C-alpha cells in the first residue's frame, strides 16, 4: 500500500474538470512506478471501483467536494470485498476518513493539500 500511496502523492494538477482526467493521471503515475492495476473493476452488481492496484489496493477518485457520507458508505461497501485489501481515496479536496474500514487500511489523498492549498 505504501508504494501506491507514494506514487499517487506525485500527482500535481490544478482544477479538475472531469473525473476521467483524474483517472488518466492516476493510471499515469501507477504506470511510471511500475505498479500493476486494473481500471473500472466490477466487484459486484452496482459496486465498481475505479482502480485495483498491486495486490488488492482499491483506489477511488473523486473530483470537487462530493457528499462525504455517500463517499464513506461507498468505501464501506468496497471494504466488504475480499479482493480489496486496502483503500485509497484520491480526492480534489481532502476528506477525513477513519484509519480502517472493516479492518482494512484507508488513506485519503487530497490533491489540493499536495499543492499546499488548504481545502477545509
N, C-alpha and C. Protein backbone atom coordinates (compact mmCIF):
# COMPACT_ATOMS: atom_id res chain seq x y z
N UNK A 1 0.83 -1.19 0.00
CA UNK A 1 0.00 0.00 0.00
C UNK A 1 0.88 1.25 0.00
N UNK A 2 2.01 1.20 0.70
CA UNK A 2 2.89 2.37 0.76
C UNK A 2 3.40 2.78 -0.62
N UNK A 3 3.71 1.80 -1.46
CA UNK A 3 4.20 2.10 -2.80
C UNK A 3 3.13 2.81 -3.63
N UNK A 4 1.89 2.38 -3.50
CA UNK A 4 0.79 3.01 -4.24
C UNK A 4 0.55 4.42 -3.71
N UNK A 5 0.57 4.60 -2.40
CA UNK A 5 0.39 5.93 -1.81
C UNK A 5 1.48 6.87 -2.29
N UNK A 6 2.72 6.41 -2.25
CA UNK A 6 3.85 7.22 -2.70
C UNK A 6 3.68 7.66 -4.15
N UNK A 7 3.24 6.74 -5.00
CA UNK A 7 3.02 7.07 -6.41
C UNK A 7 1.92 8.11 -6.57
N UNK A 8 0.81 7.92 -5.87
CA UNK A 8 -0.32 8.83 -6.00
C UNK A 8 -0.01 10.23 -5.49
N UNK A 9 0.87 10.33 -4.52
CA UNK A 9 1.24 11.65 -3.99
C UNK A 9 2.07 12.46 -4.98
N UNK A 10 2.45 11.88 -6.08
CA UNK A 10 3.20 12.60 -7.12
C UNK A 10 2.27 13.36 -8.07
N UNK A 11 0.98 13.11 -7.98
CA UNK A 11 0.03 13.78 -8.87
C UNK A 11 -0.01 15.27 -8.52
N UNK A 12 0.13 16.10 -9.55
CA UNK A 12 0.00 17.55 -9.41
C UNK A 12 -0.94 18.03 -10.50
N UNK A 13 -2.01 18.65 -10.10
CA UNK A 13 -2.96 19.19 -11.07
C UNK A 13 -3.65 20.39 -10.48
N UNK A 14 -4.15 21.22 -11.36
CA UNK A 14 -4.91 22.38 -10.92
C UNK A 14 -6.37 21.97 -10.82
N UNK A 15 -7.27 22.73 -11.27
CA UNK A 15 -8.69 22.39 -11.20
C UNK A 15 -8.98 21.17 -12.06
N UNK A 16 -9.70 20.24 -11.50
CA UNK A 16 -10.08 19.02 -12.23
C UNK A 16 -11.47 19.24 -12.81
N UNK A 17 -11.54 19.22 -14.13
CA UNK A 17 -12.82 19.47 -14.78
C UNK A 17 -13.66 18.21 -14.88
N UNK A 18 -13.02 17.06 -14.98
CA UNK A 18 -13.78 15.81 -15.02
C UNK A 18 -12.97 14.68 -14.40
N UNK A 19 -13.69 13.69 -13.91
CA UNK A 19 -13.05 12.56 -13.25
C UNK A 19 -12.19 11.75 -14.21
N UNK A 20 -12.57 11.74 -15.49
CA UNK A 20 -11.78 10.99 -16.48
C UNK A 20 -10.34 11.48 -16.51
N UNK A 21 -10.14 12.80 -16.43
CA UNK A 21 -8.78 13.36 -16.41
C UNK A 21 -8.02 12.87 -15.18
N UNK A 22 -8.70 12.84 -14.05
CA UNK A 22 -8.09 12.34 -12.83
C UNK A 22 -7.72 10.86 -12.96
N UNK A 23 -8.59 10.08 -13.57
CA UNK A 23 -8.30 8.67 -13.81
C UNK A 23 -7.03 8.51 -14.66
N UNK A 24 -6.91 9.35 -15.70
CA UNK A 24 -5.72 9.29 -16.55
C UNK A 24 -4.45 9.61 -15.76
N UNK A 25 -4.53 10.59 -14.87
CA UNK A 25 -3.36 10.95 -14.05
C UNK A 25 -2.99 9.82 -13.10
N UNK A 26 -3.99 9.19 -12.50
CA UNK A 26 -3.73 8.07 -11.60
C UNK A 26 -3.09 6.92 -12.37
N UNK A 27 -3.66 6.57 -13.51
CA UNK A 27 -3.08 5.50 -14.32
C UNK A 27 -1.65 5.83 -14.71
N UNK A 28 -1.40 7.09 -15.05
CA UNK A 28 -0.06 7.51 -15.46
C UNK A 28 0.97 7.32 -14.36
N UNK A 29 0.66 7.74 -13.13
CA UNK A 29 1.66 7.59 -12.06
C UNK A 29 1.84 6.13 -11.66
N UNK A 30 0.77 5.35 -11.73
CA UNK A 30 0.92 3.92 -11.44
C UNK A 30 1.83 3.25 -12.48
N UNK A 31 1.64 3.60 -13.74
CA UNK A 31 2.48 3.05 -14.80
C UNK A 31 3.93 3.50 -14.64
N UNK A 32 4.14 4.79 -14.34
CA UNK A 32 5.50 5.30 -14.15
C UNK A 32 6.24 4.57 -13.03
N UNK A 33 5.51 4.18 -12.01
CA UNK A 33 6.12 3.49 -10.87
C UNK A 33 6.14 1.97 -11.04
N UNK A 34 5.64 1.49 -12.16
CA UNK A 34 5.65 0.05 -12.42
C UNK A 34 4.67 -0.73 -11.55
N UNK A 35 3.59 -0.08 -11.16
CA UNK A 35 2.58 -0.73 -10.33
C UNK A 35 1.46 -1.23 -11.23
N UNK A 36 1.20 -2.51 -11.17
CA UNK A 36 0.14 -3.08 -12.00
C UNK A 36 -1.22 -2.63 -11.45
N UNK A 37 -2.19 -2.51 -12.35
CA UNK A 37 -3.52 -2.08 -11.93
C UNK A 37 -4.57 -2.53 -12.92
N UNK A 38 -5.79 -2.57 -12.45
CA UNK A 38 -6.96 -2.77 -13.29
C UNK A 38 -7.82 -1.53 -13.13
N UNK A 39 -8.47 -1.11 -14.19
CA UNK A 39 -9.29 0.11 -14.18
C UNK A 39 -10.76 -0.26 -14.26
N UNK A 40 -11.61 0.47 -13.54
CA UNK A 40 -13.06 0.26 -13.54
C UNK A 40 -13.39 -1.21 -13.25
N UNK A 41 -13.07 -1.65 -12.06
CA UNK A 41 -13.23 -3.05 -11.66
C UNK A 41 -14.60 -3.26 -11.02
N UNK A 42 -15.36 -4.18 -11.59
CA UNK A 42 -16.66 -4.52 -11.02
C UNK A 42 -16.44 -5.53 -9.91
N UNK A 43 -16.78 -5.13 -8.69
CA UNK A 43 -16.65 -6.02 -7.53
C UNK A 43 -17.91 -6.86 -7.38
N UNK A 44 -19.05 -6.28 -7.71
CA UNK A 44 -20.36 -6.94 -7.69
C UNK A 44 -21.32 -5.98 -8.39
N UNK A 45 -22.54 -6.40 -8.55
CA UNK A 45 -23.53 -5.53 -9.16
C UNK A 45 -23.62 -4.22 -8.38
N UNK A 46 -23.55 -3.10 -9.08
CA UNK A 46 -23.61 -1.75 -8.50
C UNK A 46 -22.43 -1.43 -7.59
N UNK A 47 -21.33 -2.13 -7.75
CA UNK A 47 -20.11 -1.88 -6.98
C UNK A 47 -18.92 -1.94 -7.92
N UNK A 48 -18.59 -0.79 -8.51
CA UNK A 48 -17.46 -0.71 -9.44
C UNK A 48 -16.48 0.32 -8.90
N UNK A 49 -15.30 -0.17 -8.54
CA UNK A 49 -14.25 0.70 -8.00
C UNK A 49 -13.40 1.20 -9.16
N UNK A 50 -12.84 2.39 -9.01
CA UNK A 50 -12.09 3.00 -10.11
C UNK A 50 -10.83 2.21 -10.47
N UNK A 51 -10.07 1.77 -9.47
CA UNK A 51 -8.84 1.02 -9.72
C UNK A 51 -8.65 -0.04 -8.63
N UNK A 52 -8.03 -1.13 -9.03
CA UNK A 52 -7.43 -2.08 -8.09
C UNK A 52 -5.96 -2.13 -8.50
N UNK A 53 -5.09 -1.72 -7.58
CA UNK A 53 -3.65 -1.65 -7.88
C UNK A 53 -2.90 -2.68 -7.05
N UNK A 54 -1.75 -3.09 -7.60
CA UNK A 54 -0.89 -4.01 -6.87
C UNK A 54 -1.63 -5.25 -6.44
N UNK A 55 -1.51 -5.56 -5.17
CA UNK A 55 -2.14 -6.77 -4.63
C UNK A 55 -3.44 -6.48 -3.91
N UNK A 56 -4.32 -5.70 -4.53
CA UNK A 56 -5.64 -5.50 -3.96
C UNK A 56 -5.88 -4.15 -3.32
N UNK A 57 -5.11 -3.15 -3.69
CA UNK A 57 -5.32 -1.82 -3.15
C UNK A 57 -6.37 -1.11 -4.01
N UNK A 58 -7.52 -0.85 -3.42
CA UNK A 58 -8.59 -0.19 -4.13
C UNK A 58 -8.37 1.32 -4.14
N UNK A 59 -8.55 1.94 -5.29
CA UNK A 59 -8.41 3.39 -5.42
C UNK A 59 -9.72 3.95 -5.95
N UNK A 60 -10.28 4.90 -5.23
CA UNK A 60 -11.49 5.57 -5.67
C UNK A 60 -11.15 7.05 -5.86
N UNK A 61 -11.51 7.61 -7.00
CA UNK A 61 -11.20 9.00 -7.33
C UNK A 61 -12.46 9.84 -7.31
N UNK A 62 -12.36 11.02 -6.72
CA UNK A 62 -13.49 11.95 -6.67
C UNK A 62 -13.01 13.36 -6.97
N UNK A 63 -13.75 14.09 -7.78
CA UNK A 63 -13.41 15.49 -8.04
C UNK A 63 -14.27 16.38 -7.16
N UNK A 64 -13.81 17.60 -6.99
CA UNK A 64 -14.59 18.55 -6.20
C UNK A 64 -14.74 18.14 -4.75
N UNK A 65 -15.89 18.41 -4.20
CA UNK A 65 -16.20 18.06 -2.81
C UNK A 65 -17.51 17.27 -2.81
N UNK A 66 -17.43 15.97 -3.01
CA UNK A 66 -18.64 15.15 -3.03
C UNK A 66 -19.24 15.01 -1.63
N UNK A 67 -20.42 14.48 -1.57
CA UNK A 67 -21.10 14.22 -0.30
C UNK A 67 -20.28 13.21 0.51
N UNK A 68 -19.74 13.67 1.64
CA UNK A 68 -18.84 12.83 2.43
C UNK A 68 -19.51 11.57 2.94
N UNK A 69 -20.76 11.66 3.33
CA UNK A 69 -21.46 10.48 3.83
C UNK A 69 -21.60 9.42 2.73
N UNK A 70 -21.93 9.87 1.52
CA UNK A 70 -22.08 8.92 0.41
C UNK A 70 -20.74 8.27 0.07
N UNK A 71 -19.67 9.06 0.08
CA UNK A 71 -18.34 8.51 -0.22
C UNK A 71 -17.96 7.47 0.84
N UNK A 72 -18.20 7.78 2.11
CA UNK A 72 -17.88 6.84 3.18
C UNK A 72 -18.66 5.55 3.03
N UNK A 73 -19.94 5.65 2.72
CA UNK A 73 -20.75 4.45 2.51
C UNK A 73 -20.23 3.63 1.32
N UNK A 74 -19.81 4.31 0.28
CA UNK A 74 -19.24 3.64 -0.89
C UNK A 74 -17.97 2.89 -0.50
N UNK A 75 -17.09 3.53 0.24
CA UNK A 75 -15.85 2.89 0.68
C UNK A 75 -16.15 1.71 1.62
N UNK A 76 -17.16 1.85 2.47
CA UNK A 76 -17.55 0.75 3.36
C UNK A 76 -18.00 -0.46 2.56
N UNK A 77 -18.74 -0.22 1.48
CA UNK A 77 -19.17 -1.33 0.62
C UNK A 77 -17.95 -2.01 -0.01
N UNK A 78 -17.04 -1.20 -0.55
CA UNK A 78 -15.85 -1.78 -1.19
C UNK A 78 -15.01 -2.58 -0.21
N UNK A 79 -14.93 -2.13 1.03
CA UNK A 79 -14.11 -2.81 2.04
C UNK A 79 -14.67 -4.18 2.41
N UNK A 80 -15.90 -4.45 2.06
CA UNK A 80 -16.51 -5.75 2.34
C UNK A 80 -15.98 -6.84 1.41
N UNK A 81 -15.39 -6.46 0.29
CA UNK A 81 -14.95 -7.45 -0.69
C UNK A 81 -13.56 -7.97 -0.35
N UNK A 82 -13.41 -9.28 -0.43
CA UNK A 82 -12.15 -9.92 -0.07
C UNK A 82 -10.99 -9.48 -0.97
N UNK A 83 -11.27 -9.21 -2.24
CA UNK A 83 -10.18 -8.81 -3.15
C UNK A 83 -9.63 -7.42 -2.84
N UNK A 84 -10.36 -6.62 -2.06
CA UNK A 84 -9.89 -5.29 -1.67
C UNK A 84 -9.16 -5.43 -0.33
N UNK A 85 -7.86 -5.17 -0.35
CA UNK A 85 -7.01 -5.33 0.85
C UNK A 85 -6.81 -4.01 1.59
N UNK A 86 -7.04 -2.89 0.92
CA UNK A 86 -6.91 -1.56 1.49
C UNK A 86 -7.54 -0.58 0.53
N UNK A 87 -7.82 0.64 1.00
CA UNK A 87 -8.49 1.63 0.17
C UNK A 87 -7.77 2.97 0.22
N UNK A 88 -7.68 3.60 -0.95
CA UNK A 88 -7.13 4.94 -1.05
C UNK A 88 -8.15 5.80 -1.77
N UNK A 89 -8.53 6.91 -1.14
CA UNK A 89 -9.41 7.87 -1.77
C UNK A 89 -8.55 9.00 -2.30
N UNK A 90 -8.58 9.22 -3.61
CA UNK A 90 -7.89 10.35 -4.24
C UNK A 90 -8.96 11.36 -4.54
N UNK A 91 -8.86 12.52 -3.88
CA UNK A 91 -9.94 13.49 -3.93
C UNK A 91 -9.36 14.89 -4.09
N UNK A 92 -10.05 15.71 -4.82
CA UNK A 92 -9.57 17.07 -5.06
C UNK A 92 -9.40 17.82 -3.73
N UNK A 93 -10.42 17.79 -2.92
CA UNK A 93 -10.38 18.44 -1.60
C UNK A 93 -10.30 17.34 -0.55
N UNK A 94 -9.33 17.43 0.33
CA UNK A 94 -9.09 16.41 1.35
C UNK A 94 -10.36 16.09 2.14
N UNK A 95 -10.50 14.82 2.49
CA UNK A 95 -11.63 14.36 3.28
C UNK A 95 -11.11 13.47 4.39
N UNK A 96 -11.50 13.75 5.63
CA UNK A 96 -11.12 12.89 6.75
C UNK A 96 -11.81 11.55 6.62
N UNK A 97 -11.04 10.49 6.87
CA UNK A 97 -11.57 9.13 6.85
C UNK A 97 -11.05 8.39 8.07
N UNK A 98 -11.75 7.34 8.48
CA UNK A 98 -11.21 6.51 9.56
C UNK A 98 -9.93 5.82 9.07
N UNK A 99 -9.06 5.41 10.00
CA UNK A 99 -7.82 4.74 9.62
C UNK A 99 -8.08 3.37 9.01
N UNK A 100 -9.17 2.74 9.43
CA UNK A 100 -9.53 1.44 8.88
C UNK A 100 -11.04 1.39 8.65
N UNK A 101 -11.43 0.59 7.69
CA UNK A 101 -12.83 0.26 7.45
C UNK A 101 -12.87 -1.24 7.27
N UNK A 102 -13.70 -1.90 8.07
CA UNK A 102 -13.81 -3.36 8.01
C UNK A 102 -12.44 -4.02 8.20
N UNK A 103 -11.61 -3.41 9.04
CA UNK A 103 -10.28 -3.97 9.33
C UNK A 103 -9.25 -3.72 8.24
N UNK A 104 -9.59 -2.94 7.22
CA UNK A 104 -8.67 -2.69 6.12
C UNK A 104 -8.18 -1.24 6.19
N UNK A 105 -6.89 -1.01 5.91
CA UNK A 105 -6.37 0.35 5.98
C UNK A 105 -7.00 1.26 4.93
N UNK A 106 -7.21 2.52 5.34
CA UNK A 106 -7.83 3.52 4.47
C UNK A 106 -7.02 4.81 4.55
N UNK A 107 -6.76 5.41 3.39
CA UNK A 107 -6.00 6.65 3.31
C UNK A 107 -6.71 7.61 2.36
N UNK A 108 -6.74 8.88 2.74
CA UNK A 108 -7.29 9.93 1.88
C UNK A 108 -6.13 10.78 1.38
N UNK A 109 -6.06 10.98 0.06
CA UNK A 109 -5.04 11.84 -0.53
C UNK A 109 -5.76 13.01 -1.18
N UNK A 110 -5.62 14.18 -0.57
CA UNK A 110 -6.24 15.40 -1.08
C UNK A 110 -5.29 16.09 -2.04
N UNK A 111 -5.69 16.23 -3.29
CA UNK A 111 -4.81 16.81 -4.31
C UNK A 111 -4.48 18.27 -4.03
N UNK A 112 -5.41 19.03 -3.51
CA UNK A 112 -5.11 20.42 -3.17
C UNK A 112 -4.09 20.47 -2.04
N UNK A 113 -4.20 19.55 -1.11
CA UNK A 113 -3.27 19.50 0.01
C UNK A 113 -1.85 19.24 -0.49
N UNK A 114 -1.71 18.42 -1.55
CA UNK A 114 -0.39 18.15 -2.12
C UNK A 114 0.25 19.41 -2.64
N UNK A 115 -0.58 20.37 -3.07
CA UNK A 115 -0.07 21.66 -3.56
C UNK A 115 0.15 22.63 -2.41
N UNK A 116 -0.27 22.24 -1.20
CA UNK A 116 -0.13 23.14 -0.07
C UNK A 116 -1.30 24.11 0.04
N UNK A 117 -2.42 23.77 -0.60
CA UNK A 117 -3.59 24.63 -0.57
C UNK A 117 -4.56 24.07 0.48
N UNK A 118 -4.97 24.90 1.39
CA UNK A 118 -5.93 24.46 2.41
C UNK A 118 -7.23 24.13 1.72
N UNK A 119 -7.84 23.03 2.10
CA UNK A 119 -9.09 22.64 1.47
C UNK A 119 -10.22 22.50 2.48
N UNK A 120 -10.03 22.96 3.68
CA UNK A 120 -11.10 22.88 4.67
C UNK A 120 -11.49 24.25 5.12
